[in-house]
Amino acid sequence: MTLAAQLCALGAEVAVLRNGRSIQYVRKEQLGDTVRLYTTDGYIDVLNEQIASFEVEDTPPAPPAETAVKQPETTNPFPLVQPVANKTVDLDEVVRQASMRRQLDPDFVNSVIKAESNFHPRAVSPKGAQGLMQLMPGTAALLGVSDPFDPKANVEAGTSYLSSLLDLYHDDPIKALAAYNAGPQRVEQYHGVPPYRETHAYISRIVRDFNAKKRAQVKTAQGQTPVPSTQAQASSATKKKSALNKAAKKATTPSRTTKRKVQQAAAATPAQTPGGTN
């Protein structure tokens, strides 16, 4: 029994991040200023500067055979939507609070969420992106998210990442969306939106949805019948009447911040989107 326990205490390789978290990997590959960590579920690209060290971590001995619990088998490690936990969350309020803290337009954030997960908190992509704003495991770890399926934690991290991309690209929402979808390294590589059909379609979907929200709000402010939209529209239309009255006069009028002004101006002119189609 003792010998068996010692043989089970195998070493696992981990990348220790500067924020204190770690990522277990099978092998690693250096790709310029990033390191690709291959895991049992795929791979994660992490910037060199975000890694403190690579270490070998001892795993605890396996429990005796008679007490080991057999885990249920699964044929698909990445289901589209995992079982929903029995937990009620006011998503509109979560998005509103997270957006306010980062000077983002809640409608803009909701349009991103719709394109990413269609508001499913436990959505998982074939590549392993998780939750409402589809955070990759490496991104979630860097942002300190322990449970990417927690709607509040996911939206907090997603809006923080989106805000950092807007800062990186000087409040250019088109480049920020391209980087959110394809990665900042691809935007840098192509000096703008990369020539990926998926990325162009992704940006187009968000721009169209965002514009639809703003047009509906203008109609509501003018006393016309509103166009059905996503979750955030109803709360925005009732809680921000003063902003909508101004929007009725000019659809691209800035609300509170420069960042939101740039987002609305860019979204109001779809011609800026480089040829995106569904």
C-alpha atoms as a PDB file:
ATOM      1  CA  MET A   1       0.000   0.000   0.000  1.00  0.00           C
ATOM      2  CA  THR A   2       2.818   2.406   0.893  1.00  0.00           C
ATOM      3  CA  LEU A   3       4.676   1.695  -2.345  1.00  0.00           C
ATOM      4  CA  ALA A   4       1.500   2.225  -4.364  1.00  0.00           C
ATOM      5  CA  ALA A   5       0.896   5.581  -2.706  1.00  0.00           C
ATOM      6  CA  GLN A   6       4.459   6.700  -3.441  1.00  0.00           C
ATOM      7  CA  LEU A   7       4.138   5.760  -7.106  1.00  0.00           C
ATOM      8  CA  CYS A   8       0.938   7.817  -7.375  1.00  0.00           C
ATOM      9  CA  ALA A   9       2.617  10.956  -6.089  1.00  0.00           C
ATOM     10  CA  LEU A  10       3.644  12.007  -9.583  1.00  0.00           C
ATOM     11  CA  GLY A  11       4.967  15.484 -10.370  1.00  0.00           C
ATOM     12  CA  ALA A  12       2.742  17.871 -12.331  1.00  0.00           C
ATOM     13  CA  GLU A  13       4.232  20.830 -14.232  1.00  0.00           C
ATOM     14  CA  VAL A  14       2.654  24.194 -13.466  1.00  0.00           C
ATOM     15  CA  ALA A  15       3.184  27.773 -14.599  1.00  0.00           C
ATOM     16  CA  VAL A  16       3.057  30.099 -11.600  1.00  0.00           C
ATOM     17  CA  LEU A  17       1.583  33.495 -12.535  1.00  0.00           C
ATOM     18  CA  ARG A  18       2.612  36.793 -10.986  1.00  0.00           C
ATOM     19  CA  ASN A  19      -0.895  37.263  -9.555  1.00  0.00           C
ATOM     20  CA  GLY A  20      -0.397  34.156  -7.405  1.00  0.00           C
ATOM     21  CA  ARG A  21      -2.451  31.738  -9.496  1.00  0.00           C
ATOM     22  CA  SER A  22      -1.098  28.759 -11.391  1.00  0.00           C
ATOM     23  CA  ILE A  23      -1.912  26.804 -14.561  1.00  0.00           C
ATOM     24  CA  GLN A  24      -1.152  23.089 -14.829  1.00  0.00           C
ATOM     25  CA  TYR A  25       0.098  21.996 -18.246  1.00  0.00           C
ATOM     26  CA  VAL A  26       1.308  18.940 -20.118  1.00  0.00           C
ATOM     27  CA  ARG A  27       3.938  20.718 -22.219  1.00  0.00           C
ATOM     28  CA  LYS A  28       4.849  24.269 -23.194  1.00  0.00           C
ATOM     29  CA  GLU A  29       5.963  26.025 -26.364  1.00  0.00           C
ATOM     30  CA  GLN A  30       7.652  29.421 -26.666  1.00  0.00           C
ATOM     31  CA  LEU A  31       5.982  31.701 -29.239  1.00  0.00           C
ATOM     32  CA  GLY A  32       7.778  35.034 -29.240  1.00  0.00           C
ATOM     33  CA  ASP A  33       6.544  37.107 -26.304  1.00  0.00           C
ATOM     34  CA  THR A  34       3.994  34.454 -25.286  1.00  0.00           C
ATOM     35  CA  VAL A  35       4.164  30.902 -23.992  1.00  0.00           C
ATOM     36  CA  ARG A  36       1.625  28.334 -25.195  1.00  0.00           C
ATOM     37  CA  LEU A  37       0.700  25.962 -22.380  1.00  0.00           C
ATOM     38  CA  TYR A  38      -0.867  22.736 -23.601  1.00  0.00           C
ATOM     39  CA  THR A  39      -3.397  21.368 -21.093  1.00  0.00           C
ATOM     40  CA  THR A  40      -5.483  18.215 -21.118  1.00  0.00           C
ATOM     41  CA  ASP A  41      -8.340  20.293 -22.620  1.00  0.00           C
ATOM     42  CA  GLY A  42      -6.462  22.325 -25.222  1.00  0.00           C
ATOM     43  CA  TYR A  43      -3.956  25.159 -24.863  1.00  0.00           C
ATOM     44  CA  ILE A  44      -3.608  28.613 -23.277  1.00  0.00           C
ATOM     45  CA  ASP A  45      -1.430  31.496 -24.525  1.00  0.00           C
ATOM     46  CA  VAL A  46       0.107  33.541 -21.702  1.00  0.00           C
ATOM     47  CA  LEU A  47       2.419  36.578 -21.998  1.00  0.00           C
ATOM     48  CA  ASN A  48       5.984  35.923 -20.761  1.00  0.00           C
ATOM     49  CA  GLU A  49       5.820  38.910 -18.409  1.00  0.00           C
ATOM     50  CA  GLN A  50       2.791  37.410 -16.626  1.00  0.00           C
ATOM     51  CA  ILE A  51       4.637  34.202 -15.683  1.00  0.00           C
ATOM     52  CA  ALA A  52       6.713  34.208 -12.494  1.00  0.00           C
ATOM     53  CA  SER A  53       8.147  30.697 -12.809  1.00  0.00           C
ATOM     54  CA  PHE A  54       7.688  27.142 -14.019  1.00  0.00           C
ATOM     55  CA  GLU A  55       7.630  24.521 -11.287  1.00  0.00           C
ATOM     56  CA  VAL A  56       6.950  20.857 -10.635  1.00  0.00           C
ATOM     57  CA  GLU A  57       4.099  20.374  -8.218  1.00  0.00           C
ATOM     58  CA  ASP A  58       3.618  17.104  -6.369  1.00  0.00           C
ATOM     59  CA  THR A  59       0.093  15.747  -6.573  1.00  0.00           C
ATOM     60  CA  PRO A  60      -1.359  14.114  -3.447  1.00  0.00           C
ATOM     61  CA  PRO A  61      -1.399  10.295  -3.273  1.00  0.00           C
ATOM     62  CA  ALA A  62      -4.453   8.574  -4.730  1.00  0.00           C
ATOM     63  CA  PRO A  63      -6.988   7.374  -2.138  1.00  0.00           C
ATOM     64  CA  PRO A  64      -7.214   3.619  -1.373  1.00  0.00           C
ATOM     65  CA  ALA A  65      -9.169   1.670  -3.966  1.00  0.00           C
ATOM     66  CA  GLU A  66     -12.032   0.926  -1.600  1.00  0.00           C
ATOM     67  CA  THR A  67     -12.676   4.628  -0.884  1.00  0.00           C
ATOM     68  CA  ALA A  68     -12.054   6.037  -4.351  1.00  0.00           C
ATOM     69  CA  VAL A  69     -15.113   7.626  -5.933  1.00  0.00           C
ATOM     70  CA  LYS A  70     -15.642   6.895  -9.598  1.00  0.00           C
ATOM     71  CA  GLN A  71     -16.254  10.063 -11.572  1.00  0.00           C
ATOM     72  CA  PRO A  72     -19.095  10.045 -14.119  1.00  0.00           C
ATOM     73  CA  GLU A  73     -17.946   9.624 -17.695  1.00  0.00           C
ATOM     74  CA  THR A  74     -18.626  12.278 -20.297  1.00  0.00           C
ATOM     75  CA  THR A  75     -18.494  11.926 -24.051  1.00  0.00           C
ATOM     76  CA  ASN A  76     -18.156  15.667 -24.707  1.00  0.00           C
ATOM     77  CA  PRO A  77     -15.787  17.665 -22.468  1.00  0.00           C
ATOM     78  CA  PHE A  78     -17.072  20.947 -23.903  1.00  0.00           C
ATOM     79  CA  PRO A  79     -20.896  20.959 -23.980  1.00  0.00           C
ATOM     80  CA  LEU A  80     -22.470  24.080 -25.455  1.00  0.00           C
ATOM     81  CA  VAL A  81     -24.289  24.903 -22.213  1.00  0.00           C
ATOM     82  CA  GLN A  82     -23.570  23.171 -18.919  1.00  0.00           C
ATOM     83  CA  PRO A  83     -26.350  22.516 -16.348  1.00  0.00           C
ATOM     84  CA  VAL A  84     -27.561  25.782 -14.835  1.00  0.00           C
ATOM     85  CA  ALA A  85     -27.002  26.157 -11.107  1.00  0.00           C
ATOM     86  CA  ASN A  86     -30.006  26.888  -8.919  1.00  0.00           C
ATOM     87  CA  LYS A  87     -29.123  30.539  -8.475  1.00  0.00           C
ATOM     88  CA  THR A  88     -31.046  33.668  -9.435  1.00  0.00           C
ATOM     89  CA  VAL A  89     -29.005  36.625 -10.662  1.00  0.00           C
ATOM     90  CA  ASP A  90     -30.221  40.040 -11.819  1.00  0.00           C
ATOM     91  CA  LEU A  91     -28.059  40.132 -14.932  1.00  0.00           C
ATOM     92  CA  ASP A  92     -29.174  43.630 -15.935  1.00  0.00           C
ATOM     93  CA  GLU A  93     -27.970  44.970 -12.584  1.00  0.00           C
ATOM     94  CA  VAL A  94     -24.710  42.993 -12.765  1.00  0.00           C
ATOM     95  CA  VAL A  95     -23.957  44.435 -16.215  1.00  0.00           C
ATOM     96  CA  ARG A  96     -24.997  47.941 -15.200  1.00  0.00           C
ATOM     97  CA  GLN A  97     -22.776  47.993 -12.096  1.00  0.00           C
ATOM     98  CA  ALA A  98     -19.743  46.461 -13.849  1.00  0.00           C
ATOM     99  CA  SER A  99     -20.133  48.857 -16.811  1.00  0.00           C
ATOM    100  CA  MET A 100     -20.452  51.896 -14.555  1.00  0.00           C
ATOM    101  CA  ARG A 101     -17.246  51.022 -12.705  1.00  0.00           C
ATOM    102  CA  ARG A 102     -15.330  50.899 -15.987  1.00  0.00           C
ATOM    103  CA  GLN A 103     -17.067  53.768 -17.820  1.00  0.00           C
ATOM    104  CA  LEU A 104     -18.586  51.442 -20.405  1.00  0.00           C
ATOM    105  CA  ASP A 105     -21.999  51.670 -22.046  1.00  0.00           C
ATOM    106  CA  PRO A 106     -24.152  48.802 -20.625  1.00  0.00           C
ATOM    107  CA  ASP A 107     -25.764  48.385 -24.047  1.00  0.00           C
ATOM    108  CA  PHE A 108     -22.320  47.869 -25.555  1.00  0.00           C
ATOM    109  CA  VAL A 109     -21.490  45.223 -22.926  1.00  0.00           C
ATOM    110  CA  ASN A 110     -24.850  43.486 -23.429  1.00  0.00           C
ATOM    111  CA  SER A 111     -24.239  43.363 -27.185  1.00  0.00           C
ATOM    112  CA  VAL A 112     -20.885  41.678 -26.527  1.00  0.00           C
ATOM    113  CA  ILE A 113     -22.506  39.169 -24.155  1.00  0.00           C
ATOM    114  CA  LYS A 114     -25.210  38.381 -26.717  1.00  0.00           C
ATOM    115  CA  ALA A 115     -22.587  37.695 -29.399  1.00  0.00           C
ATOM    116  CA  GLU A 116     -20.417  35.651 -27.038  1.00  0.00           C
ATOM    117  CA  SER A 117     -22.895  33.421 -25.185  1.00  0.00           C
ATOM    118  CA  ASN A 118     -26.436  34.635 -25.942  1.00  0.00           C
ATOM    119  CA  PHE A 119     -26.788  35.271 -22.181  1.00  0.00           C
ATOM    120  CA  HIS A 120     -26.116  31.655 -21.115  1.00  0.00           C
ATOM    121  CA  PRO A 121     -24.042  31.864 -17.877  1.00  0.00           C
ATOM    122  CA  ARG A 122     -22.693  28.327 -18.294  1.00  0.00           C
ATOM    123  CA  ALA A 123     -21.911  28.394 -22.008  1.00  0.00           C
ATOM    124  CA  VAL A 124     -18.663  26.689 -23.067  1.00  0.00           C
ATOM    125  CA  SER A 125     -17.150  27.019 -26.536  1.00  0.00           C
ATOM    126  CA  PRO A 126     -15.369  24.179 -28.395  1.00  0.00           C
ATOM    127  CA  LYS A 127     -12.085  25.971 -27.620  1.00  0.00           C
ATOM    128  CA  GLY A 128     -12.849  26.097 -23.891  1.00  0.00           C
ATOM    129  CA  ALA A 129     -14.036  29.706 -23.457  1.00  0.00           C
ATOM    130  CA  GLN A 130     -16.436  29.857 -20.524  1.00  0.00           C
ATOM    131  CA  GLY A 131     -19.386  31.810 -19.197  1.00  0.00           C
ATOM    132  CA  LEU A 132     -21.324  34.888 -20.264  1.00  0.00           C
ATOM    133  CA  MET A 133     -18.373  36.774 -21.741  1.00  0.00           C
ATOM    134  CA  GLN A 134     -16.548  33.597 -22.844  1.00  0.00           C
ATOM    135  CA  LEU A 135     -13.327  33.910 -20.876  1.00  0.00           C
ATOM    136  CA  MET A 136     -10.514  31.549 -21.798  1.00  0.00           C
ATOM    137  CA  PRO A 137      -9.094  29.714 -18.746  1.00  0.00           C
ATOM    138  CA  GLY A 138      -5.799  31.607 -19.007  1.00  0.00           C
ATOM    139  CA  THR A 139      -7.541  34.991 -19.182  1.00  0.00           C
ATOM    140  CA  ALA A 140      -9.799  34.053 -16.256  1.00  0.00           C
ATOM    141  CA  ALA A 141      -6.767  33.002 -14.207  1.00  0.00           C
ATOM    142  CA  LEU A 142      -4.915  36.235 -14.995  1.00  0.00           C
ATOM    143  CA  LEU A 143      -7.957  38.238 -13.886  1.00  0.00           C
ATOM    144  CA  GLY A 144      -8.299  36.272 -10.657  1.00  0.00           C
ATOM    145  CA  VAL A 145     -11.566  34.488 -11.548  1.00  0.00           C
ATOM    146  CA  SER A 146     -11.923  31.187  -9.690  1.00  0.00           C
ATOM    147  CA  ASP A 147     -15.401  30.361 -11.052  1.00  0.00           C
ATOM    148  CA  PRO A 148     -15.971  31.599 -14.637  1.00  0.00           C
ATOM    149  CA  PHE A 149     -19.559  30.333 -14.468  1.00  0.00           C
ATOM    150  CA  ASP A 150     -20.413  32.815 -11.716  1.00  0.00           C
ATOM    151  CA  PRO A 151     -22.229  35.538 -13.732  1.00  0.00           C
ATOM    152  CA  LYS A 152     -21.005  38.406 -11.560  1.00  0.00           C
ATOM    153  CA  ALA A 153     -17.364  37.275 -11.540  1.00  0.00           C
ATOM    154  CA  ASN A 154     -17.449  36.579 -15.271  1.00  0.00           C
ATOM    155  CA  VAL A 155     -18.956  39.958 -16.187  1.00  0.00           C
ATOM    156  CA  GLU A 156     -16.596  41.797 -13.825  1.00  0.00           C
ATOM    157  CA  ALA A 157     -13.596  40.143 -15.439  1.00  0.00           C
ATOM    158  CA  GLY A 158     -14.969  40.438 -18.979  1.00  0.00           C
ATOM    159  CA  THR A 159     -15.696  44.158 -18.660  1.00  0.00           C
ATOM    160  CA  SER A 160     -12.297  44.701 -17.052  1.00  0.00           C
ATOM    161  CA  TYR A 161     -10.612  42.973 -20.000  1.00  0.00           C
ATOM    162  CA  LEU A 162     -12.770  44.863 -22.526  1.00  0.00           C
ATOM    163  CA  SER A 163     -11.947  48.164 -20.815  1.00  0.00           C
ATOM    164  CA  SER A 164      -8.216  47.388 -20.903  1.00  0.00           C
ATOM    165  CA  LEU A 165      -8.474  46.683 -24.643  1.00  0.00           C
ATOM    166  CA  LEU A 166     -10.245  50.018 -25.203  1.00  0.00           C
ATOM    167  CA  ASP A 167      -7.444  51.722 -23.290  1.00  0.00           C
ATOM    168  CA  LEU A 168      -4.851  49.840 -25.349  1.00  0.00           C
ATOM    169  CA  TYR A 169      -6.420  50.944 -28.648  1.00  0.00           C
ATOM    170  CA  HIS A 170      -7.206  54.505 -27.533  1.00  0.00           C
ATOM    171  CA  ASP A 171     -10.975  53.951 -27.251  1.00  0.00           C
ATOM    172  CA  ASP A 172     -11.302  52.389 -30.711  1.00  0.00           C
ATOM    173  CA  PRO A 173     -14.160  49.882 -30.169  1.00  0.00           C
ATOM    174  CA  ILE A 174     -13.638  48.115 -33.501  1.00  0.00           C
ATOM    175  CA  LYS A 175     -10.042  47.188 -32.683  1.00  0.00           C
ATOM    176  CA  ALA A 176     -11.030  46.349 -29.106  1.00  0.00           C
ATOM    177  CA  LEU A 177     -13.730  43.949 -30.328  1.00  0.00           C
ATOM    178  CA  ALA A 178     -11.307  42.403 -32.824  1.00  0.00           C
ATOM    179  CA  ALA A 179      -8.794  41.826 -30.024  1.00  0.00           C
ATOM    180  CA  TYR A 180     -11.490  40.406 -27.731  1.00  0.00           C
ATOM    181  CA  ASN A 181     -12.398  37.887 -30.430  1.00  0.00           C
ATOM    182  CA  ALA A 182      -9.067  37.047 -32.091  1.00  0.00           C
ATOM    183  CA  GLY A 183      -6.518  38.208 -29.514  1.00  0.00           C
ATOM    184  CA  PRO A 184      -4.422  41.393 -29.228  1.00  0.00           C
ATOM    185  CA  GLN A 185      -1.463  39.683 -30.877  1.00  0.00           C
ATOM    186  CA  ARG A 186      -3.485  39.261 -34.086  1.00  0.00           C
ATOM    187  CA  VAL A 187      -4.550  42.910 -34.115  1.00  0.00           C
ATOM    188  CA  GLU A 188      -0.911  43.901 -33.733  1.00  0.00           C
ATOM    189  CA  GLN A 189       0.160  41.427 -36.412  1.00  0.00           C
ATOM    190  CA  TYR A 190      -2.278  42.837 -38.998  1.00  0.00           C
ATOM    191  CA  HIS A 191      -2.185  46.448 -37.746  1.00  0.00           C
ATOM    192  CA  GLY A 192      -5.937  46.405 -37.291  1.00  0.00           C
ATOM    193  CA  VAL A 193      -8.808  43.946 -37.654  1.00  0.00           C
ATOM    194  CA  PRO A 194      -7.334  40.598 -38.755  1.00  0.00           C
ATOM    195  CA  PRO A 195      -8.638  39.128 -42.038  1.00  0.00           C
ATOM    196  CA  TYR A 196     -10.664  36.427 -40.324  1.00  0.00           C
ATOM    197  CA  ARG A 197     -14.228  35.901 -41.526  1.00  0.00           C
ATOM    198  CA  GLU A 198     -15.306  34.930 -38.005  1.00  0.00           C
ATOM    199  CA  THR A 199     -13.886  38.143 -36.505  1.00  0.00           C
ATOM    200  CA  HIS A 200     -15.504  40.369 -39.140  1.00  0.00           C
ATOM    201  CA  ALA A 201     -18.872  38.659 -38.599  1.00  0.00           C
ATOM    202  CA  TYR A 202     -18.450  38.973 -34.822  1.00  0.00           C
ATOM    203  CA  ILE A 203     -17.860  42.733 -35.006  1.00  0.00           C
ATOM    204  CA  SER A 204     -20.771  43.191 -37.419  1.00  0.00           C
ATOM    205  CA  ARG A 205     -23.183  41.345 -35.105  1.00  0.00           C
ATOM    206  CA  ILE A 206     -22.241  43.528 -32.143  1.00  0.00           C
ATOM    207  CA  VAL A 207     -22.422  46.783 -34.132  1.00  0.00           C
ATOM    208  CA  ARG A 208     -25.865  45.889 -35.519  1.00  0.00           C
ATOM    209  CA  ASP A 209     -27.214  44.863 -32.121  1.00  0.00           C
ATOM    210  CA  PHE A 210     -25.828  47.994 -30.444  1.00  0.00           C
ATOM    211  CA  ASN A 211     -27.321  50.236 -33.142  1.00  0.00           C
ATOM    212  CA  ALA A 212     -30.689  48.487 -32.776  1.00  0.00           C
ATOM    213  CA  LYS A 213     -30.693  49.222 -29.047  1.00  0.00           C
ATOM    214  CA  LYS A 214     -29.948  52.907 -29.605  1.00  0.00           C
ATOM    215  CA  ARG A 215     -32.579  53.283 -32.324  1.00  0.00           C
ATOM    216  CA  ALA A 216     -35.163  51.631 -30.070  1.00  0.00           C
ATOM    217  CA  GLN A 217     -34.282  53.978 -27.221  1.00  0.00           C
ATOM    218  CA  VAL A 218     -34.612  57.013 -29.489  1.00  0.00           C
ATOM    219  CA  LYS A 219     -38.059  55.832 -30.608  1.00  0.00           C
ATOM    220  CA  THR A 220     -39.069  55.261 -27.007  1.00  0.00           C
ATOM    221  CA  ALA A 221     -37.946  58.771 -26.073  1.00  0.00           C
ATOM    222  CA  GLN A 222     -39.984  60.161 -28.970  1.00  0.00           C
ATOM    223  CA  GLY A 223     -43.071  58.269 -27.839  1.00  0.00           C
ATOM    224  CA  GLN A 224     -42.978  55.737 -30.667  1.00  0.00           C
ATOM    225  CA  THR A 225     -43.404  51.981 -30.358  1.00  0.00           C
ATOM    226  CA  PRO A 226     -40.059  50.529 -29.265  1.00  0.00           C
ATOM    227  CA  VAL A 227     -38.338  47.817 -31.253  1.00  0.00           C
ATOM    228  CA  PRO A 228     -37.875  44.571 -29.229  1.00  0.00           C
ATOM    229  CA  SER A 229     -34.296  44.248 -28.028  1.00  0.00           C
ATOM    230  CA  THR A 230     -32.208  42.397 -25.446  1.00  0.00           C
ATOM    231  CA  GLN A 231     -32.432  42.456 -21.658  1.00  0.00           C
ATOM    232  CA  ALA A 232     -30.573  45.692 -21.077  1.00  0.00           C
ATOM    233  CA  GLN A 233     -32.812  47.825 -23.309  1.00  0.00           C
ATOM    234  CA  ALA A 234     -35.845  47.915 -21.014  1.00  0.00           C
ATOM    235  CA  SER A 235     -33.913  48.975 -17.943  1.00  0.00           C
ATOM    236  CA  SER A 236     -31.875  51.545 -19.888  1.00  0.00           C
ATOM    237  CA  ALA A 237     -34.992  53.040 -21.472  1.00  0.00           C
ATOM    238  CA  THR A 238     -36.709  53.552 -18.107  1.00  0.00           C
ATOM    239  CA  LYS A 239     -33.782  54.430 -15.855  1.00  0.00           C
ATOM    240  CA  LYS A 240     -31.999  56.881 -18.180  1.00  0.00           C
ATOM    241  CA  LYS A 241     -34.785  59.112 -19.513  1.00  0.00           C
ATOM    242  CA  SER A 242     -32.665  62.247 -19.483  1.00  0.00           C
ATOM    243  CA  ALA A 243     -29.971  60.587 -21.578  1.00  0.00           C
ATOM    244  CA  LEU A 244     -32.597  59.298 -23.990  1.00  0.00           C
ATOM    245  CA  ASN A 245     -34.186  62.734 -24.407  1.00  0.00           C
ATOM    246  CA  LYS A 246     -30.810  63.982 -25.566  1.00  0.00           C
ATOM    247  CA  ALA A 247     -30.384  60.897 -27.750  1.00  0.00           C
ATOM    248  CA  ALA A 248     -33.716  61.704 -29.418  1.00  0.00           C
ATOM    249  CA  LYS A 249     -32.163  64.898 -30.744  1.00  0.00           C
ATOM    250  CA  LYS A 250     -28.913  63.298 -31.819  1.00  0.00           C
ATOM    251  CA  ALA A 251     -28.354  59.527 -31.833  1.00  0.00           C
ATOM    252  CA  THR A 252     -24.618  59.779 -31.261  1.00  0.00           C
ATOM    253  CA  THR A 253     -24.737  62.305 -28.409  1.00  0.00           C
ATOM    254  CA  PRO A 254     -22.189  61.237 -25.757  1.00  0.00           C
ATOM    255  CA  SER A 255     -23.605  60.146 -22.417  1.00  0.00           C
ATOM    256  CA  ARG A 256     -21.111  60.486 -19.538  1.00  0.00           C
ATOM    257  CA  THR A 257     -17.628  59.642 -20.685  1.00  0.00           C
ATOM    258  CA  THR A 258     -15.282  59.896 -23.608  1.00  0.00           C
ATOM    259  CA  LYS A 259     -15.064  56.129 -23.816  1.00  0.00           C
ATOM    260  CA  ARG A 260     -18.814  55.771 -24.254  1.00  0.00           C
ATOM    261  CA  LYS A 261     -18.821  58.610 -26.768  1.00  0.00           C
ATOM    262  CA  VAL A 262     -16.319  56.785 -28.938  1.00  0.00           C
ATOM    263  CA  GLN A 263     -18.279  53.537 -28.698  1.00  0.00           C
ATOM    264  CA  GLN A 264     -21.538  55.172 -29.765  1.00  0.00           C
ATOM    265  CA  ALA A 265     -19.916  57.115 -32.587  1.00  0.00           C
ATOM    266  CA  ALA A 266     -18.204  54.011 -33.969  1.00  0.00           C
ATOM    267  CA  ALA A 267     -21.288  51.831 -33.630  1.00  0.00           C
ATOM    268  CA  ALA A 268     -23.451  54.473 -35.320  1.00  0.00           C
ATOM    269  CA  THR A 269     -21.358  54.168 -38.505  1.00  0.00           C
ATOM    270  CA  PRO A 270     -21.267  50.487 -39.549  1.00  0.00           C
ATOM    271  CA  ALA A 271     -19.170  51.411 -42.583  1.00  0.00           C
ATOM    272  CA  GLN A 272     -16.161  51.416 -40.244  1.00  0.00           C
ATOM    273  CA  THR A 273     -16.542  47.677 -39.789  1.00  0.00           C
ATOM    274  CA  PRO A 274     -14.148  46.144 -42.328  1.00  0.00           C
ATOM    275  CA  GLY A 275     -16.375  43.998 -44.503  1.00  0.00           C
ATOM    276  CA  GLY A 276     -17.885  41.819 -41.752  1.00  0.00           C
ATOM    277  CA  THR A 277     -20.653  39.444 -42.813  1.00  0.00           C
ATOM    278  CA  ASN A 278     -22.476  36.580 -41.128  1.00  0.00           C
END
